[in-house]
PDB file of N, CA and C in Angstrom:
ATOM      1  N   MET A   1      14.439  21.575  13.882  1.00  0.00           N
ATOM      2  CA  MET A   1      13.186  20.921  14.181  1.00  0.00           C
ATOM      3  C   MET A   1      12.665  20.256  12.916  1.00  0.00           C
ATOM      4  N   CYS A   2      12.121  19.071  13.066  1.00  0.00           N
ATOM      5  CA  CYS A   2      11.557  18.334  11.937  1.00  0.00           C
ATOM      6  C   CYS A   2      10.043  18.256  12.083  1.00  0.00           C
ATOM      7  N   LEU A   3       9.365  18.280  10.962  1.00  0.00           N
ATOM      8  CA  LEU A   3       7.926  18.113  10.937  1.00  0.00           C
ATOM      9  C   LEU A   3       7.632  16.845  10.155  1.00  0.00           C
ATOM     10  N   ALA A   4       6.997  15.887  10.783  1.00  0.00           N
ATOM     11  CA  ALA A   4       6.665  14.631  10.120  1.00  0.00           C
ATOM     12  C   ALA A   4       5.224  14.680   9.649  1.00  0.00           C
ATOM     13  N   ILE A   5       5.032  14.372   8.392  1.00  0.00           N
ATOM     14  CA  ILE A   5       3.700  14.342   7.796  1.00  0.00           C
ATOM     15  C   ILE A   5       3.365  12.882   7.491  1.00  0.00           C
ATOM     16  N   PRO A   6       2.201  12.419   7.903  1.00  0.00           N
ATOM     17  CA  PRO A   6       1.842  11.031   7.619  1.00  0.00           C
ATOM     18  C   PRO A   6       1.767  10.766   6.119  1.00  0.00           C
ATOM     19  N   GLY A   7       2.278   9.625   5.723  1.00  0.00           N
ATOM     20  CA  GLY A   7       2.194   9.184   4.334  1.00  0.00           C
ATOM     21  C   GLY A   7       1.611   7.790   4.288  1.00  0.00           C
ATOM     22  N   ARG A   8       0.873   7.499   3.223  1.00  0.00           N
ATOM     23  CA  ARG A   8       0.221   6.183   3.080  1.00  0.00           C
ATOM     24  C   ARG A   8       1.031   5.303   2.146  1.00  0.00           C
ATOM     25  N   VAL A   9       1.262   4.069   2.546  1.00  0.00           N
ATOM     26  CA  VAL A   9       2.014   3.116   1.743  1.00  0.00           C
ATOM     27  C   VAL A   9       1.144   2.667   0.571  1.00  0.00           C
ATOM     28  N   VAL A  10       1.662   2.854  -0.654  1.00  0.00           N
ATOM     29  CA  VAL A  10       0.910   2.457  -1.844  1.00  0.00           C
ATOM     30  C   VAL A  10       1.544   1.268  -2.561  1.00  0.00           C
ATOM     31  N   ALA A  11       2.800   0.950  -2.229  1.00  0.00           N
ATOM     32  CA  ALA A  11       3.466  -0.208  -2.831  1.00  0.00           C
ATOM     33  C   ALA A  11       4.624  -0.628  -1.946  1.00  0.00           C
ATOM     34  N   ILE A  12       4.952  -1.918  -2.000  1.00  0.00           N
ATOM     35  CA  ILE A  12       6.084  -2.454  -1.254  1.00  0.00           C
ATOM     36  C   ILE A  12       6.881  -3.342  -2.190  1.00  0.00           C
ATOM     37  N   SER A  13       8.202  -3.121  -2.201  1.00  0.00           N
ATOM     38  CA  SER A  13       9.071  -3.985  -2.995  1.00  0.00           C
ATOM     39  C   SER A  13       9.688  -5.018  -2.066  1.00  0.00           C
ATOM     40  N   GLY A  14       9.892  -6.210  -2.616  1.00  0.00           N
ATOM     41  CA  GLY A  14      10.387  -7.325  -1.827  1.00  0.00           C
ATOM     42  C   GLY A  14      11.763  -7.106  -1.258  1.00  0.00           C
ATOM     43  N   GLY A  15      12.233  -8.107  -0.609  1.00  0.00           N
ATOM     44  CA  GLY A  15      13.544  -8.046   0.010  1.00  0.00           C
ATOM     45  C   GLY A  15      13.428  -8.107   1.513  1.00  0.00           C
ATOM     46  N   GLU A  16      14.583  -8.061   2.146  1.00  0.00           N
ATOM     47  CA  GLU A  16      14.625  -8.086   3.606  1.00  0.00           C
ATOM     48  C   GLU A  16      15.542  -6.988   4.098  1.00  0.00           C
ATOM     49  N   GLY A  17      15.381  -6.635   5.347  1.00  0.00           N
ATOM     50  CA  GLY A  17      16.247  -5.632   5.944  1.00  0.00           C
ATOM     51  C   GLY A  17      16.191  -4.319   5.197  1.00  0.00           C
ATOM     52  N   PHE A  18      17.359  -3.775   4.867  1.00  0.00           N
ATOM     53  CA  PHE A  18      17.431  -2.481   4.191  1.00  0.00           C
ATOM     54  C   PHE A  18      16.973  -2.545   2.734  1.00  0.00           C
ATOM     55  N   ASP A  19      16.806  -3.750   2.184  1.00  0.00           N
ATOM     56  CA  ASP A  19      16.332  -3.893   0.799  1.00  0.00           C
ATOM     57  C   ASP A  19      14.811  -3.813   0.692  1.00  0.00           C
ATOM     58  N   ARG A  20      14.102  -3.986   1.779  1.00  0.00           N
ATOM     59  CA  ARG A  20      12.635  -3.903   1.753  1.00  0.00           C
ATOM     60  C   ARG A  20      12.240  -2.430   1.776  1.00  0.00           C
ATOM     61  N   ARG A  21      11.510  -1.993   0.742  1.00  0.00           N
ATOM     62  CA  ARG A  21      11.195  -0.583   0.587  1.00  0.00           C
ATOM     63  C   ARG A  21       9.714  -0.397   0.300  1.00  0.00           C
ATOM     64  N   ALA A  22       9.225   0.768   0.682  1.00  0.00           N
ATOM     65  CA  ALA A  22       7.833   1.133   0.424  1.00  0.00           C
ATOM     66  C   ALA A  22       7.800   2.392  -0.421  1.00  0.00           C
ATOM     67  N   THR A  23       6.785   2.489  -1.259  1.00  0.00           N
ATOM     68  CA  THR A  23       6.468   3.752  -1.909  1.00  0.00           C
ATOM     69  C   THR A  23       5.409   4.401  -1.042  1.00  0.00           C
ATOM     70  N   VAL A  24       5.727   5.596  -0.530  1.00  0.00           N
ATOM     71  CA  VAL A  24       4.854   6.299   0.404  1.00  0.00           C
ATOM     72  C   VAL A  24       4.287   7.529  -0.295  1.00  0.00           C
ATOM     73  N   ASP A  25       2.961   7.674  -0.233  1.00  0.00           N
ATOM     74  CA  ASP A  25       2.272   8.789  -0.893  1.00  0.00           C
ATOM     75  C   ASP A  25       1.908   9.858   0.136  1.00  0.00           C
ATOM     76  N   TYR A  26       2.349  11.083  -0.151  1.00  0.00           N
ATOM     77  CA  TYR A  26       2.044  12.245   0.686  1.00  0.00           C
ATOM     78  C   TYR A  26       1.141  13.183  -0.121  1.00  0.00           C
ATOM     79  N   ASP A  27      -0.139  12.860  -0.201  1.00  0.00           N
ATOM     80  CA  ASP A  27      -1.097  13.675  -0.965  1.00  0.00           C
ATOM     81  C   ASP A  27      -0.625  13.937  -2.391  1.00  0.00           C
ATOM     82  N   GLY A  28      -0.194  12.901  -3.076  1.00  0.00           N
ATOM     83  CA  GLY A  28       0.195  13.013  -4.472  1.00  0.00           C
ATOM     84  C   GLY A  28       1.687  13.042  -4.723  1.00  0.00           C
ATOM     85  N   VAL A  29       2.476  13.300  -3.719  1.00  0.00           N
ATOM     86  CA  VAL A  29       3.931  13.253  -3.845  1.00  0.00           C
ATOM     87  C   VAL A  29       4.392  11.915  -3.283  1.00  0.00           C
ATOM     88  N   GLN A  30       5.110  11.153  -4.106  1.00  0.00           N
ATOM     89  CA  GLN A  30       5.522   9.824  -3.669  1.00  0.00           C
ATOM     90  C   GLN A  30       7.035   9.758  -3.489  1.00  0.00           C
ATOM     91  N   GLN A  31       7.430   9.039  -2.432  1.00  0.00           N
ATOM     92  CA  GLN A  31       8.841   8.832  -2.145  1.00  0.00           C
ATOM     93  C   GLN A  31       9.057   7.398  -1.700  1.00  0.00           C
ATOM     94  N   GLU A  32      10.279   6.938  -1.874  1.00  0.00           N
ATOM     95  CA  GLU A  32      10.666   5.622  -1.395  1.00  0.00           C
ATOM     96  C   GLU A  32      11.163   5.739   0.041  1.00  0.00           C
ATOM     97  N   ALA A  33      10.891   4.711   0.846  1.00  0.00           N
ATOM     98  CA  ALA A  33      11.362   4.677   2.230  1.00  0.00           C
ATOM     99  C   ALA A  33      11.766   3.247   2.582  1.00  0.00           C
ATOM    100  N   SER A  34      12.833   3.122   3.344  1.00  0.00           N
ATOM    101  CA  SER A  34      13.264   1.818   3.821  1.00  0.00           C
ATOM    102  C   SER A  34      12.310   1.329   4.904  1.00  0.00           C
ATOM    103  N   LEU A  35      12.004   0.035   4.854  1.00  0.00           N
ATOM    104  CA  LEU A  35      11.162  -0.588   5.883  1.00  0.00           C
ATOM    105  C   LEU A  35      11.993  -1.449   6.841  1.00  0.00           C
ATOM    106  N   ALA A  36      13.295  -1.178   6.906  1.00  0.00           N
ATOM    107  CA  ALA A  36      14.187  -1.975   7.747  1.00  0.00           C
ATOM    108  C   ALA A  36      13.742  -1.991   9.201  1.00  0.00           C
ATOM    109  N   TYR A  37      13.181  -0.876   9.685  1.00  0.00           N
ATOM    110  CA  TYR A  37      12.776  -0.785  11.090  1.00  0.00           C
ATOM    111  C   TYR A  37      11.314  -1.154  11.318  1.00  0.00           C
ATOM    112  N   LEU A  38      10.542  -1.269  10.244  1.00  0.00           N
ATOM    113  CA  LEU A  38       9.121  -1.638  10.345  1.00  0.00           C
ATOM    114  C   LEU A  38       8.799  -2.742   9.334  1.00  0.00           C
ATOM    115  N   PRO A  39       9.380  -3.924   9.484  1.00  0.00           N
ATOM    116  CA  PRO A  39       9.202  -4.976   8.474  1.00  0.00           C
ATOM    117  C   PRO A  39       7.770  -5.481   8.344  1.00  0.00           C
ATOM    118  N   GLU A  40       6.919  -5.230   9.347  1.00  0.00           N
ATOM    119  CA  GLU A  40       5.530  -5.720   9.307  1.00  0.00           C
ATOM    120  C   GLU A  40       4.603  -4.799   8.522  1.00  0.00           C
ATOM    121  N   THR A  41       5.124  -3.712   7.966  1.00  0.00           N
ATOM    122  CA  THR A  41       4.317  -2.725   7.235  1.00  0.00           C
ATOM    123  C   THR A  41       3.569  -3.363   6.078  1.00  0.00           C
ATOM    124  N   LYS A  42       2.315  -2.914   5.881  1.00  0.00           N
ATOM    125  CA  LYS A  42       1.469  -3.404   4.786  1.00  0.00           C
ATOM    126  C   LYS A  42       1.012  -2.237   3.924  1.00  0.00           C
ATOM    127  N   ILE A  43       0.592  -2.530   2.704  1.00  0.00           N
ATOM    128  CA  ILE A  43       0.009  -1.510   1.836  1.00  0.00           C
ATOM    129  C   ILE A  43      -1.225  -0.949   2.540  1.00  0.00           C
ATOM    130  N   GLY A  44      -1.340   0.375   2.532  1.00  0.00           N
ATOM    131  CA  GLY A  44      -2.451   1.050   3.180  1.00  0.00           C
ATOM    132  C   GLY A  44      -2.097   1.616   4.547  1.00  0.00           C
ATOM    133  N   ASP A  45      -0.986   1.154   5.135  1.00  0.00           N
ATOM    134  CA  ASP A  45      -0.554   1.687   6.426  1.00  0.00           C
ATOM    135  C   ASP A  45      -0.101   3.139   6.268  1.00  0.00           C
ATOM    136  N   TYR A  46      -0.222   3.893   7.346  1.00  0.00           N
ATOM    137  CA  TYR A  46       0.286   5.264   7.393  1.00  0.00           C
ATOM    138  C   TYR A  46       1.576   5.276   8.200  1.00  0.00           C
ATOM    139  N   LEU A  47       2.604   5.931   7.649  1.00  0.00           N
ATOM    140  CA  LEU A  47       3.917   5.948   8.273  1.00  0.00           C
ATOM    141  C   LEU A  47       4.411   7.367   8.496  1.00  0.00           C
ATOM    142  N   LEU A  48       5.329   7.494   9.456  1.00  0.00           N
ATOM    143  CA  LEU A  48       6.150   8.683   9.590  1.00  0.00           C
ATOM    144  C   LEU A  48       7.546   8.269   9.152  1.00  0.00           C
ATOM    145  N   VAL A  49       8.139   9.047   8.242  1.00  0.00           N
ATOM    146  CA  VAL A  49       9.433   8.724   7.662  1.00  0.00           C
ATOM    147  C   VAL A  49      10.408   9.839   7.992  1.00  0.00           C
ATOM    148  N   HIS A  50      11.635   9.455   8.344  1.00  0.00           N
ATOM    149  CA  HIS A  50      12.693  10.432   8.606  1.00  0.00           C
ATOM    150  C   HIS A  50      13.949   9.976   7.884  1.00  0.00           C
ATOM    151  N   VAL A  51      14.525  10.869   7.114  1.00  0.00           N
ATOM    152  CA  VAL A  51      15.724  10.639   6.294  1.00  0.00           C
ATOM    153  C   VAL A  51      15.686   9.293   5.563  1.00  0.00           C
ATOM    154  N   GLY A  52      14.526   8.990   4.982  1.00  0.00           N
ATOM    155  CA  GLY A  52      14.389   7.800   4.149  1.00  0.00           C
ATOM    156  C   GLY A  52      14.064   6.509   4.874  1.00  0.00           C
ATOM    157  N   PHE A  53      13.861   6.570   6.190  1.00  0.00           N
ATOM    158  CA  PHE A  53      13.540   5.368   6.957  1.00  0.00           C
ATOM    159  C   PHE A  53      12.180   5.529   7.623  1.00  0.00           C
ATOM    160  N   ALA A  54      11.305   4.537   7.420  1.00  0.00           N
ATOM    161  CA  ALA A  54      10.019   4.523   8.108  1.00  0.00           C
ATOM    162  C   ALA A  54      10.294   4.208   9.574  1.00  0.00           C
ATOM    163  N   LEU A  55       9.844   5.115  10.468  1.00  0.00           N
ATOM    164  CA  LEU A  55      10.135   4.949  11.889  1.00  0.00           C
ATOM    165  C   LEU A  55       8.909   4.645  12.734  1.00  0.00           C
ATOM    166  N   THR A  56       7.721   5.070  12.270  1.00  0.00           N
ATOM    167  CA  THR A  56       6.513   4.890  13.066  1.00  0.00           C
ATOM    168  C   THR A  56       5.340   4.550  12.161  1.00  0.00           C
ATOM    169  N   CYS A  57       4.552   3.577  12.588  1.00  0.00           N
ATOM    170  CA  CYS A  57       3.303   3.259  11.911  1.00  0.00           C
ATOM    171  C   CYS A  57       2.188   3.897  12.733  1.00  0.00           C
ATOM    172  N   LEU A  58       1.306   4.656  12.059  1.00  0.00           N
ATOM    173  CA  LEU A  58       0.260   5.407  12.745  1.00  0.00           C
ATOM    174  C   LEU A  58      -1.096   4.727  12.652  1.00  0.00           C
ATOM    175  N   ASP A  59      -1.928   5.031  13.630  1.00  0.00           N
ATOM    176  CA  ASP A  59      -3.325   4.647  13.582  1.00  0.00           C
ATOM    177  C   ASP A  59      -3.961   5.375  12.393  1.00  0.00           C
ATOM    178  N   PRO A  60      -4.687   4.688  11.519  1.00  0.00           N
ATOM    179  CA  PRO A  60      -5.252   5.334  10.331  1.00  0.00           C
ATOM    180  C   PRO A  60      -6.158   6.521  10.648  1.00  0.00           C
ATOM    181  N   GLU A  61      -6.959   6.424  11.696  1.00  0.00           N
ATOM    182  CA  GLU A  61      -7.854   7.534  12.040  1.00  0.00           C
ATOM    183  C   GLU A  61      -7.060   8.761  12.468  1.00  0.00           C
ATOM    184  N   GLU A  62      -6.013   8.556  13.253  1.00  0.00           N
ATOM    185  CA  GLU A  62      -5.173   9.680  13.688  1.00  0.00           C
ATOM    186  C   GLU A  62      -4.444  10.301  12.496  1.00  0.00           C
ATOM    187  N   ALA A  63      -3.940   9.466  11.604  1.00  0.00           N
ATOM    188  CA  ALA A  63      -3.246   9.971  10.420  1.00  0.00           C
ATOM    189  C   ALA A  63      -4.185  10.808   9.560  1.00  0.00           C
ATOM    190  N   GLU A  64      -5.402  10.340   9.341  1.00  0.00           N
ATOM    191  CA  GLU A  64      -6.373  11.089   8.542  1.00  0.00           C
ATOM    192  C   GLU A  64      -6.744  12.409   9.211  1.00  0.00           C
ATOM    193  N   ARG A  65      -6.849  12.409  10.554  1.00  0.00           N
ATOM    194  CA  ARG A  65      -7.158  13.640  11.278  1.00  0.00           C
ATOM    195  C   ARG A  65      -6.038  14.665  11.098  1.00  0.00           C
ATOM    196  N   VAL A  66      -4.803  14.229  11.220  1.00  0.00           N
ATOM    197  CA  VAL A  66      -3.657  15.131  11.044  1.00  0.00           C
ATOM    198  C   VAL A  66      -3.623  15.672   9.613  1.00  0.00           C
ATOM    199  N   LEU A  67      -3.821  14.796   8.641  1.00  0.00           N
ATOM    200  CA  LEU A  67      -3.816  15.236   7.242  1.00  0.00           C
ATOM    201  C   LEU A  67      -4.935  16.233   6.963  1.00  0.00           C
ATOM    202  N   LYS A  68      -6.105  16.009   7.551  1.00  0.00           N
ATOM    203  CA  LYS A  68      -7.226  16.940   7.379  1.00  0.00           C
ATOM    204  C   LYS A  68      -6.860  18.316   7.930  1.00  0.00           C
ATOM    205  N   GLU A  69      -6.256  18.338   9.107  1.00  0.00           N
ATOM    206  CA  GLU A  69      -5.847  19.622   9.702  1.00  0.00           C
ATOM    207  C   GLU A  69      -4.797  20.328   8.860  1.00  0.00           C
ATOM    208  N   ILE A  70      -3.861  19.595   8.320  1.00  0.00           N
ATOM    209  CA  ILE A  70      -2.827  20.187   7.456  1.00  0.00           C
ATOM    210  C   ILE A  70      -3.475  20.774   6.205  1.00  0.00           C
ATOM    211  N   ARG A  71      -4.388  20.028   5.593  1.00  0.00           N
ATOM    212  CA  ARG A  71      -5.077  20.530   4.387  1.00  0.00           C
ATOM    213  C   ARG A  71      -5.847  21.805   4.687  1.00  0.00           C
ATOM    214  N   GLU A  72      -6.514  21.845   5.855  1.00  0.00           N
ATOM    215  CA  GLU A  72      -7.278  23.035   6.231  1.00  0.00           C
ATOM    216  C   GLU A  72      -6.353  24.242   6.445  1.00  0.00           C
ATOM    217  N   MET A  73      -5.211  24.015   7.075  1.00  0.00           N
ATOM    218  CA  MET A  73      -4.249  25.111   7.267  1.00  0.00           C
ATOM    219  C   MET A  73      -3.721  25.633   5.935  1.00  0.00           C
ATOM    220  N   MET A  74      -3.477  24.722   4.992  1.00  0.00           N
ATOM    221  CA  MET A  74      -2.956  25.117   3.684  1.00  0.00           C
ATOM    222  C   MET A  74      -3.997  25.888   2.876  1.00  0.00           C
ATOM    223  N   ALA A  75      -5.280  25.618   3.111  1.00  0.00           N
ATOM    224  CA  ALA A  75      -6.350  26.285   2.364  1.00  0.00           C
ATOM    225  C   ALA A  75      -6.568  27.700   2.850  1.00  0.00           C
ATOM    226  N   GLU A  76      -6.152  28.018   4.047  1.00  0.00           N
ATOM    227  CA  GLU A  76      -6.384  29.360   4.603  1.00  0.00           C
ATOM    228  C   GLU A  76      -5.441  30.382   4.013  1.00  0.00           C
TER     229      GLU A  76
END
């Protein structure tokens, strides 16, 4: 089973297809992700990433709600 945590795009490097990449921030931990499947992604978007590929762009309000719940669970 996989657990996807929303991450916010903080940077995008140029290119097309598999060369277009985003830096995704997960509450201070940053990783690179391919934007091959979501070429319309913009800085500030929230994504779900699996094995290095951005697969879903989330509604910002929903992403923030999920992140808030995760933070609350971690604080307990």
